[in-house]
């Protein structure tokens, strides 16, 4: 995992708002920034496929500051699908899919504990 770096992707305000509202009420209760980071990491890992172009939307695209793991951001940037010309576009596609229920975010843990040192 890399260092989290401030990024300011241009994302449509309506998409950002709907995704942020969903993140607040989703079972994970993560912030919109952490949700976006999970979506980007899942895209990098091949768990999410993204194709197509950004749809034309009424309203504004604005900068939305997020602190995202640099390794995840850079890997996602190198895998950007054809037709998407910016990381803001990729972020918007992922957040739009999440807001519309086409993408789900879950949290899980795995591993082992218990050699006597943790008692």
PDB file of N, CA and C in Angstrom:
ATOM      1  N   UNK A   1       0.846  -1.170   0.000  1.00  0.00           N
ATOM      2  CA  UNK A   1       0.000   0.000   0.000  1.00  0.00           C
ATOM      3  C   UNK A   1       0.891   1.232   0.000  1.00  0.00           C
ATOM      4  N   UNK A   2       0.584   2.175  -0.852  1.00  0.00           N
ATOM      5  CA  UNK A   2       1.377   3.391  -0.959  1.00  0.00           C
ATOM      6  C   UNK A   2       0.870   4.488  -0.045  1.00  0.00           C
ATOM      7  N   UNK A   3       1.489   5.590  -0.168  1.00  0.00           N
ATOM      8  CA  UNK A   3       1.105   6.771   0.598  1.00  0.00           C
ATOM      9  C   UNK A   3      -0.164   7.369  -0.007  1.00  0.00           C
ATOM     10  N   UNK A   4      -1.047   7.820   0.850  1.00  0.00           N
ATOM     11  CA  UNK A   4      -2.251   8.492   0.350  1.00  0.00           C
ATOM     12  C   UNK A   4      -1.884   9.912  -0.062  1.00  0.00           C
ATOM     13  N   UNK A   5      -2.290  10.248  -1.265  1.00  0.00           N
ATOM     14  CA  UNK A   5      -1.964  11.544  -1.851  1.00  0.00           C
ATOM     15  C   UNK A   5      -3.251  12.268  -2.212  1.00  0.00           C
ATOM     16  N   UNK A   6      -3.267  13.572  -1.974  1.00  0.00           N
ATOM     17  CA  UNK A   6      -4.447  14.377  -2.331  1.00  0.00           C
ATOM     18  C   UNK A   6      -4.549  14.484  -3.848  1.00  0.00           C
ATOM     19  N   UNK A   7      -5.706  14.146  -4.337  1.00  0.00           N
ATOM     20  CA  UNK A   7      -6.045  14.274  -5.760  1.00  0.00           C
ATOM     21  C   UNK A   7      -7.312  15.108  -5.843  1.00  0.00           C
ATOM     22  N   UNK A   8      -7.540  15.718  -6.995  1.00  0.00           N
ATOM     23  CA  UNK A   8      -8.740  16.534  -7.185  1.00  0.00           C
ATOM     24  C   UNK A   8      -9.381  16.230  -8.533  1.00  0.00           C
ATOM     25  N   UNK A   9      -9.934  15.025  -8.677  1.00  0.00           N
ATOM     26  CA  UNK A   9     -10.547  14.683  -9.965  1.00  0.00           C
ATOM     27  C   UNK A   9     -11.822  15.496 -10.215  1.00  0.00           C
ATOM     28  N   UNK A  10     -12.037  15.827 -11.478  1.00  0.00           N
ATOM     29  CA  UNK A  10     -13.280  16.488 -11.883  1.00  0.00           C
ATOM     30  C   UNK A  10     -14.352  15.416 -12.025  1.00  0.00           C
ATOM     31  N   UNK A  11     -15.381  15.509 -11.193  1.00  0.00           N
ATOM     32  CA  UNK A  11     -16.478  14.540 -11.176  1.00  0.00           C
ATOM     33  C   UNK A  11     -17.782  15.332 -11.165  1.00  0.00           C
ATOM     34  N   UNK A  12     -18.754  14.852 -11.905  1.00  0.00           N
ATOM     35  CA  UNK A  12     -20.046  15.538 -11.960  1.00  0.00           C
ATOM     36  C   UNK A  12     -20.626  15.639 -10.551  1.00  0.00           C
ATOM     37  N   UNK A  13     -21.078  16.832 -10.203  1.00  0.00           N
ATOM     38  CA  UNK A  13     -21.594  17.080  -8.854  1.00  0.00           C
ATOM     39  C   UNK A  13     -22.745  16.148  -8.473  1.00  0.00           C
ATOM     40  N   UNK A  14     -23.645  15.876  -9.419  1.00  0.00           N
ATOM     41  CA  UNK A  14     -24.797  15.019  -9.120  1.00  0.00           C
ATOM     42  C   UNK A  14     -24.335  13.583  -8.831  1.00  0.00           C
ATOM     43  N   UNK A  15     -23.382  13.086  -9.610  1.00  0.00           N
ATOM     44  CA  UNK A  15     -22.859  11.731  -9.381  1.00  0.00           C
ATOM     45  C   UNK A  15     -22.170  11.667  -8.023  1.00  0.00           C
ATOM     46  N   UNK A  16     -21.344  12.668  -7.733  1.00  0.00           N
ATOM     47  CA  UNK A  16     -20.643  12.716  -6.446  1.00  0.00           C
ATOM     48  C   UNK A  16     -21.645  12.702  -5.295  1.00  0.00           C
ATOM     49  N   UNK A  17     -22.669  13.538  -5.395  1.00  0.00           N
ATOM     50  CA  UNK A  17     -23.667  13.639  -4.327  1.00  0.00           C
ATOM     51  C   UNK A  17     -24.421  12.338  -4.102  1.00  0.00           C
ATOM     52  N   UNK A  18     -24.849  11.692  -5.184  1.00  0.00           N
ATOM     53  CA  UNK A  18     -25.591  10.442  -5.050  1.00  0.00           C
ATOM     54  C   UNK A  18     -24.710   9.337  -4.476  1.00  0.00           C
ATOM     55  N   UNK A  19     -23.460   9.270  -4.928  1.00  0.00           N
ATOM     56  CA  UNK A  19     -22.543   8.253  -4.403  1.00  0.00           C
ATOM     57  C   UNK A  19     -22.226   8.527  -2.930  1.00  0.00           C
ATOM     58  N   UNK A  20     -22.052   9.790  -2.572  1.00  0.00           N
ATOM     59  CA  UNK A  20     -21.764  10.148  -1.175  1.00  0.00           C
ATOM     60  C   UNK A  20     -22.942   9.788  -0.279  1.00  0.00           C
ATOM     61  N   UNK A  21     -24.154  10.051  -0.748  1.00  0.00           N
ATOM     62  CA  UNK A  21     -25.345   9.697   0.030  1.00  0.00           C
ATOM     63  C   UNK A  21     -25.446   8.187   0.220  1.00  0.00           C
ATOM     64  N   UNK A  22     -25.170   7.441  -0.834  1.00  0.00           N
ATOM     65  CA  UNK A  22     -25.226   5.976  -0.723  1.00  0.00           C
ATOM     66  C   UNK A  22     -24.156   5.471   0.232  1.00  0.00           C
ATOM     67  N   UNK A  23     -22.948   6.035   0.154  1.00  0.00           N
ATOM     68  CA  UNK A  23     -21.855   5.587   1.023  1.00  0.00           C
ATOM     69  C   UNK A  23     -22.214   5.776   2.501  1.00  0.00           C
ATOM     70  N   UNK A  24     -22.924   6.848   2.815  1.00  0.00           N
ATOM     71  CA  UNK A  24     -23.306   7.123   4.203  1.00  0.00           C
ATOM     72  C   UNK A  24     -24.268   6.072   4.755  1.00  0.00           C
ATOM     73  N   UNK A  25     -25.092   5.515   3.880  1.00  0.00           N
ATOM     74  CA  UNK A  25     -26.113   4.574   4.334  1.00  0.00           C
ATOM     75  C   UNK A  25     -25.792   3.129   3.975  1.00  0.00           C
ATOM     76  N   UNK A  26     -24.723   2.911   3.230  1.00  0.00           N
ATOM     77  CA  UNK A  26     -24.319   1.567   2.836  1.00  0.00           C
ATOM     78  C   UNK A  26     -23.881   0.778   4.066  1.00  0.00           C
ATOM     79  N   UNK A  27     -23.879  -0.522   3.955  1.00  0.00           N
ATOM     80  CA  UNK A  27     -23.522  -1.388   5.086  1.00  0.00           C
ATOM     81  C   UNK A  27     -22.094  -1.151   5.581  1.00  0.00           C
ATOM     82  N   UNK A  28     -21.212  -0.665   4.713  1.00  0.00           N
ATOM     83  CA  UNK A  28     -19.818  -0.446   5.117  1.00  0.00           C
ATOM     84  C   UNK A  28     -19.642   0.834   5.922  1.00  0.00           C
ATOM     85  N   UNK A  29     -20.513   1.791   5.731  1.00  0.00           N
ATOM     86  CA  UNK A  29     -20.446   3.099   6.389  1.00  0.00           C
ATOM     87  C   UNK A  29     -19.094   3.783   6.167  1.00  0.00           C
ATOM     88  N   UNK A  30     -18.530   3.600   4.982  1.00  0.00           N
ATOM     89  CA  UNK A  30     -17.268   4.265   4.655  1.00  0.00           C
ATOM     90  C   UNK A  30     -17.542   5.644   4.082  1.00  0.00           C
ATOM     91  N   UNK A  31     -16.538   6.492   4.149  1.00  0.00           N
ATOM     92  CA  UNK A  31     -16.654   7.801   3.512  1.00  0.00           C
ATOM     93  C   UNK A  31     -16.637   7.619   2.004  1.00  0.00           C
ATOM     94  N   UNK A  32     -17.048   8.639   1.292  1.00  0.00           N
ATOM     95  CA  UNK A  32     -17.024   8.580  -0.164  1.00  0.00           C
ATOM     96  C   UNK A  32     -15.594   8.407  -0.677  1.00  0.00           C
ATOM     97  N   UNK A  33     -14.622   8.997   0.008  1.00  0.00           N
ATOM     98  CA  UNK A  33     -13.225   8.859  -0.404  1.00  0.00           C
ATOM     99  C   UNK A  33     -12.761   7.414  -0.280  1.00  0.00           C
ATOM    100  N   UNK A  34     -13.045   6.766   0.850  1.00  0.00           N
ATOM    101  CA  UNK A  34     -12.640   5.360   1.017  1.00  0.00           C
ATOM    102  C   UNK A  34     -13.393   4.472   0.036  1.00  0.00           C
ATOM    103  N   UNK A  35     -14.666   4.775  -0.198  1.00  0.00           N
ATOM    104  CA  UNK A  35     -15.449   4.021  -1.174  1.00  0.00           C
ATOM    105  C   UNK A  35     -14.812   4.123  -2.552  1.00  0.00           C
ATOM    106  N   UNK A  36     -14.433   5.318  -2.956  1.00  0.00           N
ATOM    107  CA  UNK A  36     -13.785   5.504  -4.253  1.00  0.00           C
ATOM    108  C   UNK A  36     -12.468   4.736  -4.310  1.00  0.00           C
ATOM    109  N   UNK A  37     -11.714   4.748  -3.228  1.00  0.00           N
ATOM    110  CA  UNK A  37     -10.446   4.026  -3.201  1.00  0.00           C
ATOM    111  C   UNK A  37     -10.670   2.520  -3.379  1.00  0.00           C
ATOM    112  N   UNK A  38     -11.693   1.972  -2.721  1.00  0.00           N
ATOM    113  CA  UNK A  38     -12.018   0.552  -2.876  1.00  0.00           C
ATOM    114  C   UNK A  38     -12.455   0.255  -4.312  1.00  0.00           C
ATOM    115  N   UNK A  39     -13.254   1.135  -4.888  1.00  0.00           N
ATOM    116  CA  UNK A  39     -13.690   0.950  -6.277  1.00  0.00           C
ATOM    117  C   UNK A  39     -12.492   0.960  -7.229  1.00  0.00           C
ATOM    118  N   UNK A  40     -11.585   1.910  -7.039  1.00  0.00           N
ATOM    119  CA  UNK A  40     -10.398   1.972  -7.895  1.00  0.00           C
ATOM    120  C   UNK A  40      -9.524   0.736  -7.713  1.00  0.00           C
ATOM    121  N   UNK A  41      -9.319   0.307  -6.467  1.00  0.00           N
ATOM    122  CA  UNK A  41      -8.500  -0.888  -6.204  1.00  0.00           C
ATOM    123  C   UNK A  41      -9.149  -2.128  -6.830  1.00  0.00           C
ATOM    124  N   UNK A  42     -10.456  -2.228  -6.752  1.00  0.00           N
ATOM    125  CA  UNK A  42     -11.155  -3.362  -7.347  1.00  0.00           C
ATOM    126  C   UNK A  42     -11.057  -3.326  -8.871  1.00  0.00           C
ATOM    127  N   UNK A  43     -11.076  -2.140  -9.451  1.00  0.00           N
ATOM    128  CA  UNK A  43     -10.865  -1.982 -10.890  1.00  0.00           C
ATOM    129  C   UNK A  43      -9.468  -2.459 -11.267  1.00  0.00           C
ATOM    130  N   UNK A  44      -8.470  -2.042 -10.500  1.00  0.00           N
ATOM    131  CA  UNK A  44      -7.082  -2.448 -10.748  1.00  0.00           C
ATOM    132  C   UNK A  44      -6.939  -3.964 -10.637  1.00  0.00           C
ATOM    133  N   UNK A  45      -7.611  -4.568  -9.662  1.00  0.00           N
ATOM    134  CA  UNK A  45      -7.529  -6.017  -9.442  1.00  0.00           C
ATOM    135  C   UNK A  45      -8.342  -6.821 -10.454  1.00  0.00           C
ATOM    136  N   UNK A  46      -9.045  -6.147 -11.346  1.00  0.00           N
ATOM    137  CA  UNK A  46      -9.836  -6.836 -12.363  1.00  0.00           C
ATOM    138  C   UNK A  46     -11.192  -7.315 -11.883  1.00  0.00           C
ATOM    139  N   UNK A  47     -11.617  -6.872 -10.719  1.00  0.00           N
ATOM    140  CA  UNK A  47     -12.916  -7.273 -10.181  1.00  0.00           C
ATOM    141  C   UNK A  47     -14.044  -6.426 -10.752  1.00  0.00           C
ATOM    142  N   UNK A  48     -13.691  -5.269 -11.319  1.00  0.00           N
ATOM    143  CA  UNK A  48     -14.652  -4.374 -11.960  1.00  0.00           C
ATOM    144  C   UNK A  48     -14.143  -4.101 -13.365  1.00  0.00           C
ATOM    145  N   UNK A  49     -15.023  -4.237 -14.344  1.00  0.00           N
ATOM    146  CA  UNK A  49     -14.666  -3.842 -15.703  1.00  0.00           C
ATOM    147  C   UNK A  49     -15.399  -2.541 -16.019  1.00  0.00           C
ATOM    148  N   UNK A  50     -14.728  -1.687 -16.738  1.00  0.00           N
ATOM    149  CA  UNK A  50     -15.314  -0.399 -17.114  1.00  0.00           C
ATOM    150  C   UNK A  50     -15.086  -0.197 -18.603  1.00  0.00           C
ATOM    151  N   UNK A  51     -16.156   0.062 -19.313  1.00  0.00           N
ATOM    152  CA  UNK A  51     -16.068   0.320 -20.746  1.00  0.00           C
ATOM    153  C   UNK A  51     -16.946   1.511 -21.076  1.00  0.00           C
ATOM    154  N   UNK A  52     -16.707   2.082 -22.211  1.00  0.00           N
ATOM    155  CA  UNK A  52     -17.559   3.168 -22.676  1.00  0.00           C
ATOM    156  C   UNK A  52     -17.044   4.538 -22.319  1.00  0.00           C
ATOM    157  N   UNK A  53     -17.864   5.489 -22.649  1.00  0.00           N
ATOM    158  CA  UNK A  53     -17.532   6.893 -22.440  1.00  0.00           C
ATOM    159  C   UNK A  53     -18.442   7.480 -21.366  1.00  0.00           C
ATOM    160  N   UNK A  54     -18.019   8.633 -20.870  1.00  0.00           N
ATOM    161  CA  UNK A  54     -18.880   9.349 -19.916  1.00  0.00           C
ATOM    162  C   UNK A  54     -20.105   9.877 -20.654  1.00  0.00           C
ATOM    163  N   UNK A  55     -21.281   9.686 -20.085  1.00  0.00           N
ATOM    164  CA  UNK A  55     -22.473  10.256 -20.723  1.00  0.00           C
ATOM    165  C   UNK A  55     -22.493  11.777 -20.573  1.00  0.00           C
ATOM    166  N   UNK A  56     -23.146  12.429 -21.510  1.00  0.00           N
ATOM    167  CA  UNK A  56     -23.358  13.872 -21.386  1.00  0.00           C
ATOM    168  C   UNK A  56     -24.361  14.087 -20.261  1.00  0.00           C
ATOM    169  N   UNK A  57     -24.063  15.022 -19.380  1.00  0.00           N
ATOM    170  CA  UNK A  57     -24.939  15.298 -18.250  1.00  0.00           C
ATOM    171  C   UNK A  57     -25.174  16.794 -18.146  1.00  0.00           C
ATOM    172  N   UNK A  58     -26.368  17.128 -17.721  1.00  0.00           N
ATOM    173  CA  UNK A  58     -26.659  18.518 -17.388  1.00  0.00           C
ATOM    174  C   UNK A  58     -25.949  18.844 -16.080  1.00  0.00           C
ATOM    175  N   UNK A  59     -25.533  20.070 -15.904  1.00  0.00           N
ATOM    176  CA  UNK A  59     -24.914  20.463 -14.643  1.00  0.00           C
ATOM    177  C   UNK A  59     -23.405  20.564 -14.748  1.00  0.00           C
ATOM    178  N   UNK A  60     -22.770  20.592 -13.589  1.00  0.00           N
ATOM    179  CA  UNK A  60     -21.343  20.881 -13.537  1.00  0.00           C
ATOM    180  C   UNK A  60     -20.504  19.700 -13.096  1.00  0.00           C
ATOM    181  N   UNK A  61     -19.299  19.672 -13.638  1.00  0.00           N
ATOM    182  CA  UNK A  61     -18.249  18.818 -13.093  1.00  0.00           C
ATOM    183  C   UNK A  61     -17.347  19.741 -12.288  1.00  0.00           C
ATOM    184  N   UNK A  62     -16.982  19.293 -11.117  1.00  0.00           N
ATOM    185  CA  UNK A  62     -16.139  20.106 -10.245  1.00  0.00           C
ATOM    186  C   UNK A  62     -15.053  19.237  -9.646  1.00  0.00           C
ATOM    187  N   UNK A  63     -14.037  19.902  -9.125  1.00  0.00           N
ATOM    188  CA  UNK A  63     -12.978  19.177  -8.431  1.00  0.00           C
ATOM    189  C   UNK A  63     -13.506  18.685  -7.090  1.00  0.00           C
ATOM    190  N   UNK A  64     -13.217  17.440  -6.808  1.00  0.00           N
ATOM    191  CA  UNK A  64     -13.606  16.858  -5.524  1.00  0.00           C
ATOM    192  C   UNK A  64     -12.345  16.303  -4.878  1.00  0.00           C
ATOM    193  N   UNK A  65     -11.840  16.963  -3.849  1.00  0.00           N
ATOM    194  CA  UNK A  65     -10.600  16.519  -3.204  1.00  0.00           C
ATOM    195  C   UNK A  65     -10.759  15.172  -2.515  1.00  0.00           C
ATOM    196  N   UNK A  66      -9.822  14.277  -2.798  1.00  0.00           N
ATOM    197  CA  UNK A  66      -9.796  12.951  -2.176  1.00  0.00           C
ATOM    198  C   UNK A  66      -8.346  12.586  -1.886  1.00  0.00           C
ATOM    199  N   UNK A  67      -8.123  11.835  -0.836  1.00  0.00           N
ATOM    200  CA  UNK A  67      -6.797  11.294  -0.537  1.00  0.00           C
ATOM    201  C   UNK A  67      -6.842   9.808  -0.863  1.00  0.00           C
ATOM    202  N   UNK A  68      -6.160   9.447  -1.937  1.00  0.00           N
ATOM    203  CA  UNK A  68      -6.213   8.083  -2.463  1.00  0.00           C
ATOM    204  C   UNK A  68      -4.802   7.494  -2.453  1.00  0.00           C
ATOM    205  N   UNK A  69      -4.713   6.219  -2.133  1.00  0.00           N
ATOM    206  CA  UNK A  69      -3.445   5.504  -2.171  1.00  0.00           C
ATOM    207  C   UNK A  69      -2.784   5.720  -3.542  1.00  0.00           C
ATOM    208  N   UNK A  70      -1.554   6.209  -3.534  1.00  0.00           N
ATOM    209  CA  UNK A  70      -0.849   6.548  -4.779  1.00  0.00           C
ATOM    210  C   UNK A  70      -0.653   5.336  -5.679  1.00  0.00           C
ATOM    211  N   UNK A  71      -0.352   4.181  -5.093  1.00  0.00           N
ATOM    212  CA  UNK A  71      -0.163   2.971  -5.903  1.00  0.00           C
ATOM    213  C   UNK A  71      -1.455   2.602  -6.625  1.00  0.00           C
ATOM    214  N   UNK A  72      -2.568   2.701  -5.927  1.00  0.00           N
ATOM    215  CA  UNK A  72      -3.869   2.394  -6.525  1.00  0.00           C
ATOM    216  C   UNK A  72      -4.183   3.392  -7.631  1.00  0.00           C
ATOM    217  N   UNK A  73      -4.007   4.672  -7.355  1.00  0.00           N
ATOM    218  CA  UNK A  73      -4.292   5.728  -8.334  1.00  0.00           C
ATOM    219  C   UNK A  73      -3.466   5.518  -9.603  1.00  0.00           C
ATOM    220  N   UNK A  74      -2.160   5.319  -9.431  1.00  0.00           N
ATOM    221  CA  UNK A  74      -1.274   5.176 -10.590  1.00  0.00           C
ATOM    222  C   UNK A  74      -1.583   3.919 -11.396  1.00  0.00           C
ATOM    223  N   UNK A  75      -1.895   2.836 -10.709  1.00  0.00           N
ATOM    224  CA  UNK A  75      -2.249   1.606 -11.414  1.00  0.00           C
ATOM    225  C   UNK A  75      -3.552   1.780 -12.194  1.00  0.00           C
ATOM    226  N   UNK A  76      -4.536   2.416 -11.584  1.00  0.00           N
ATOM    227  CA  UNK A  76      -5.810   2.658 -12.271  1.00  0.00           C
ATOM    228  C   UNK A  76      -5.595   3.549 -13.484  1.00  0.00           C
ATOM    229  N   UNK A  77      -4.740   4.538 -13.337  1.00  0.00           N
ATOM    230  CA  UNK A  77      -4.450   5.453 -14.445  1.00  0.00           C
ATOM    231  C   UNK A  77      -3.826   4.697 -15.622  1.00  0.00           C
ATOM    232  N   UNK A  78      -2.985   3.735 -15.330  1.00  0.00           N
ATOM    233  CA  UNK A  78      -2.326   2.978 -16.398  1.00  0.00           C
ATOM    234  C   UNK A  78      -3.280   1.997 -17.080  1.00  0.00           C
ATOM    235  N   UNK A  79      -4.399   1.688 -16.450  1.00  0.00           N
ATOM    236  CA  UNK A  79      -5.375   0.737 -16.997  1.00  0.00           C
ATOM    237  C   UNK A  79      -6.639   1.419 -17.530  1.00  0.00           C
ATOM    238  N   UNK A  80      -6.606   2.724 -17.672  1.00  0.00           N
ATOM    239  CA  UNK A  80      -7.803   3.474 -18.059  1.00  0.00           C
ATOM    240  C   UNK A  80      -8.413   2.910 -19.351  1.00  0.00           C
ATOM    241  N   UNK A  81      -9.704   2.649 -19.328  1.00  0.00           N
ATOM    242  CA  UNK A  81     -10.341   2.061 -20.516  1.00  0.00           C
ATOM    243  C   UNK A  81     -10.397   3.039 -21.689  1.00  0.00           C
ATOM    244  N   UNK A  82     -10.468   2.488 -22.887  1.00  0.00           N
ATOM    245  CA  UNK A  82     -10.612   3.309 -24.091  1.00  0.00           C
ATOM    246  C   UNK A  82     -11.876   4.153 -23.961  1.00  0.00           C
ATOM    247  N   UNK A  83     -11.797   5.376 -24.394  1.00  0.00           N
ATOM    248  CA  UNK A  83     -12.944   6.265 -24.323  1.00  0.00           C
ATOM    249  C   UNK A  83     -12.995   7.102 -23.064  1.00  0.00           C
ATOM    250  N   UNK A  84     -12.166   6.766 -22.083  1.00  0.00           N
ATOM    251  CA  UNK A  84     -12.083   7.551 -20.849  1.00  0.00           C
ATOM    252  C   UNK A  84     -10.758   8.293 -20.903  1.00  0.00           C
ATOM    253  N   UNK A  85     -10.815   9.606 -20.810  1.00  0.00           N
ATOM    254  CA  UNK A  85      -9.617  10.409 -21.063  1.00  0.00           C
ATOM    255  C   UNK A  85      -8.967  10.995 -19.818  1.00  0.00           C
ATOM    256  N   UNK A  86      -9.555  10.749 -18.649  1.00  0.00           N
ATOM    257  CA  UNK A  86      -8.978  11.318 -17.429  1.00  0.00           C
ATOM    258  C   UNK A  86      -9.335  10.440 -16.238  1.00  0.00           C
ATOM    259  N   UNK A  87      -8.576  10.604 -15.179  1.00  0.00           N
ATOM    260  CA  UNK A  87      -8.905   9.887 -13.952  1.00  0.00           C
ATOM    261  C   UNK A  87     -10.232  10.376 -13.384  1.00  0.00           C
ATOM    262  N   UNK A  88     -10.543  11.644 -13.572  1.00  0.00           N
ATOM    263  CA  UNK A  88     -11.854  12.133 -13.150  1.00  0.00           C
ATOM    264  C   UNK A  88     -12.967  11.372 -13.842  1.00  0.00           C
ATOM    265  N   UNK A  89     -12.770  11.089 -15.131  1.00  0.00           N
ATOM    266  CA  UNK A  89     -13.751  10.320 -15.882  1.00  0.00           C
ATOM    267  C   UNK A  89     -13.900   8.901 -15.354  1.00  0.00           C
ATOM    268  N   UNK A  90     -12.771   8.264 -15.059  1.00  0.00           N
ATOM    269  CA  UNK A  90     -12.827   6.910 -14.507  1.00  0.00           C
ATOM    270  C   UNK A  90     -13.505   6.911 -13.139  1.00  0.00           C
ATOM    271  N   UNK A  91     -13.131   7.868 -12.297  1.00  0.00           N
ATOM    272  CA  UNK A  91     -13.756   7.981 -10.968  1.00  0.00           C
ATOM    273  C   UNK A  91     -15.262   8.186 -11.101  1.00  0.00           C
ATOM    274  N   UNK A  92     -15.659   9.032 -12.038  1.00  0.00           N
ATOM    275  CA  UNK A  92     -17.087   9.296 -12.238  1.00  0.00           C
ATOM    276  C   UNK A  92     -17.821   8.043 -12.700  1.00  0.00           C
ATOM    277  N   UNK A  93     -17.227   7.293 -13.632  1.00  0.00           N
ATOM    278  CA  UNK A  93     -17.855   6.048 -14.082  1.00  0.00           C
ATOM    279  C   UNK A  93     -18.056   5.077 -12.923  1.00  0.00           C
ATOM    280  N   UNK A  94     -17.016   4.918 -12.113  1.00  0.00           N
ATOM    281  CA  UNK A  94     -17.100   3.987 -10.978  1.00  0.00           C
ATOM    282  C   UNK A  94     -18.127   4.454  -9.946  1.00  0.00           C
ATOM    283  N   UNK A  95     -18.095   5.737  -9.604  1.00  0.00           N
ATOM    284  CA  UNK A  95     -19.043   6.256  -8.614  1.00  0.00           C
ATOM    285  C   UNK A  95     -20.470   6.214  -9.132  1.00  0.00           C
ATOM    286  N   UNK A  96     -20.656   6.445 -10.422  1.00  0.00           N
ATOM    287  CA  UNK A  96     -21.989   6.379 -11.008  1.00  0.00           C
ATOM    288  C   UNK A  96     -22.528   4.944 -10.947  1.00  0.00           C
ATOM    289  N   UNK A  97     -21.689   3.979 -11.289  1.00  0.00           N
ATOM    290  CA  UNK A  97     -22.096   2.582 -11.191  1.00  0.00           C
ATOM    291  C   UNK A  97     -22.433   2.184  -9.768  1.00  0.00           C
ATOM    292  N   UNK A  98     -21.650   2.673  -8.824  1.00  0.00           N
ATOM    293  CA  UNK A  98     -21.911   2.414  -7.403  1.00  0.00           C
ATOM    294  C   UNK A  98     -23.227   3.056  -6.971  1.00  0.00           C
ATOM    295  N   UNK A  99     -23.416   4.319  -7.318  1.00  0.00           N
ATOM    296  CA  UNK A  99     -24.637   5.036  -6.923  1.00  0.00           C
ATOM    297  C   UNK A  99     -25.887   4.384  -7.499  1.00  0.00           C
ATOM    298  N   UNK A 100     -25.767   3.813  -8.701  1.00  0.00           N
ATOM    299  CA  UNK A 100     -26.916   3.175  -9.352  1.00  0.00           C
ATOM    300  C   UNK A 100     -27.090   1.712  -8.950  1.00  0.00           C
ATOM    301  N   UNK A 101     -26.233   1.218  -8.078  1.00  0.00           N
ATOM    302  CA  UNK A 101     -26.368  -0.148  -7.590  1.00  0.00           C
ATOM    303  C   UNK A 101     -25.774  -1.206  -8.496  1.00  0.00           C
ATOM    304  N   UNK A 102     -25.028  -0.826  -9.527  1.00  0.00           N
ATOM    305  CA  UNK A 102     -24.395  -1.803 -10.416  1.00  0.00           C
ATOM    306  C   UNK A 102     -23.092  -2.329  -9.841  1.00  0.00           C
ATOM    307  N   UNK A 103     -22.515  -1.597  -8.902  1.00  0.00           N
ATOM    308  CA  UNK A 103     -21.291  -2.008  -8.221  1.00  0.00           C
ATOM    309  C   UNK A 103     -21.564  -2.024  -6.728  1.00  0.00           C
ATOM    310  N   UNK A 104     -21.055  -3.031  -6.048  1.00  0.00           N
ATOM    311  CA  UNK A 104     -21.228  -3.103  -4.603  1.00  0.00           C
ATOM    312  C   UNK A 104     -19.866  -3.054  -3.930  1.00  0.00           C
ATOM    313  N   UNK A 105     -19.856  -2.520  -2.732  1.00  0.00           N
ATOM    314  CA  UNK A 105     -18.640  -2.426  -1.933  1.00  0.00           C
ATOM    315  C   UNK A 105     -18.868  -3.239  -0.667  1.00  0.00           C
ATOM    316  N   UNK A 106     -17.924  -4.126  -0.378  1.00  0.00           N
ATOM    317  CA  UNK A 106     -17.997  -4.921   0.842  1.00  0.00           C
ATOM    318  C   UNK A 106     -16.659  -4.814   1.565  1.00  0.00           C
ATOM    319  N   UNK A 107     -16.673  -5.145   2.821  1.00  0.00           N
ATOM    320  CA  UNK A 107     -15.452  -5.162   3.613  1.00  0.00           C
ATOM    321  C   UNK A 107     -15.318  -6.557   4.187  1.00  0.00           C
ATOM    322  N   UNK A 108     -14.124  -7.113   4.102  1.00  0.00           N
ATOM    323  CA  UNK A 108     -13.894  -8.432   4.689  1.00  0.00           C
ATOM    324  C   UNK A 108     -12.492  -8.474   5.276  1.00  0.00           C
ATOM    325  N   UNK A 109     -12.275  -9.453   6.107  1.00  0.00           N
ATOM    326  CA  UNK A 109     -10.954  -9.647   6.707  1.00  0.00           C
ATOM    327  C   UNK A 109     -10.635 -11.130   6.666  1.00  0.00           C
ATOM    328  N   UNK A 110      -9.353 -11.438   6.662  1.00  0.00           N
ATOM    329  CA  UNK A 110      -8.942 -12.836   6.717  1.00  0.00           C
ATOM    330  C   UNK A 110      -7.582 -12.913   7.395  1.00  0.00           C
ATOM    331  N   UNK A 111      -7.158 -14.094   7.729  1.00  0.00           N
ATOM    332  CA  UNK A 111      -5.868 -14.276   8.379  1.00  0.00           C
ATOM    333  C   UNK A 111      -5.974 -15.242   9.523  1.00  0.00           C
ATOM    334  N   UNK A 112      -4.981 -15.225  10.401  1.00  0.00           N
ATOM    335  CA  UNK A 112      -5.005 -16.083  11.571  1.00  0.00           C
ATOM    336  C   UNK A 112      -4.348 -15.378  12.743  1.00  0.00           C
ATOM    337  N   UNK A 113      -4.758 -15.745  13.913  1.00  0.00           N
ATOM    338  CA  UNK A 113      -4.186 -15.216  15.143  1.00  0.00           C
ATOM    339  C   UNK A 113      -4.050 -16.361  16.127  1.00  0.00           C
ATOM    340  N   UNK A 114      -3.292 -16.164  17.194  1.00  0.00           N
ATOM    341  CA  UNK A 114      -3.330 -17.127  18.265  1.00  0.00           C
ATOM    342  C   UNK A 114      -2.140 -18.037  18.438  1.00  0.00           C
ATOM    343  N   UNK A 115      -0.984 -17.516  18.634  1.00  0.00           N
ATOM    344  CA  UNK A 115       0.146 -18.364  19.002  1.00  0.00           C
ATOM    345  C   UNK A 115       0.491 -18.186  20.471  1.00  0.00           C
ATOM    346  N   UNK A 116      -0.437 -17.651  21.236  1.00  0.00           N
ATOM    347  CA  UNK A 116      -0.219 -17.402  22.637  1.00  0.00           C
ATOM    348  C   UNK A 116       0.264 -15.985  22.917  1.00  0.00           C
ATOM    349  N   UNK A 117       0.815 -15.316  21.897  1.00  0.00           N
ATOM    350  CA  UNK A 117       1.341 -13.969  22.095  1.00  0.00           C
ATOM    351  C   UNK A 117       0.232 -12.940  22.222  1.00  0.00           C
ATOM    352  N   UNK A 118      -0.947 -13.263  21.749  1.00  0.00           N
ATOM    353  CA  UNK A 118      -2.042 -12.285  21.770  1.00  0.00           C
ATOM    354  C   UNK A 118      -3.035 -12.550  22.890  1.00  0.00           C
ATOM    355  N   UNK A 119      -2.670 -13.314  23.882  1.00  0.00           N
ATOM    356  CA  UNK A 119      -3.602 -13.584  24.982  1.00  0.00           C
ATOM    357  C   UNK A 119      -3.330 -12.703  26.164  1.00  0.00           C
TER     358      UNK A 119
END
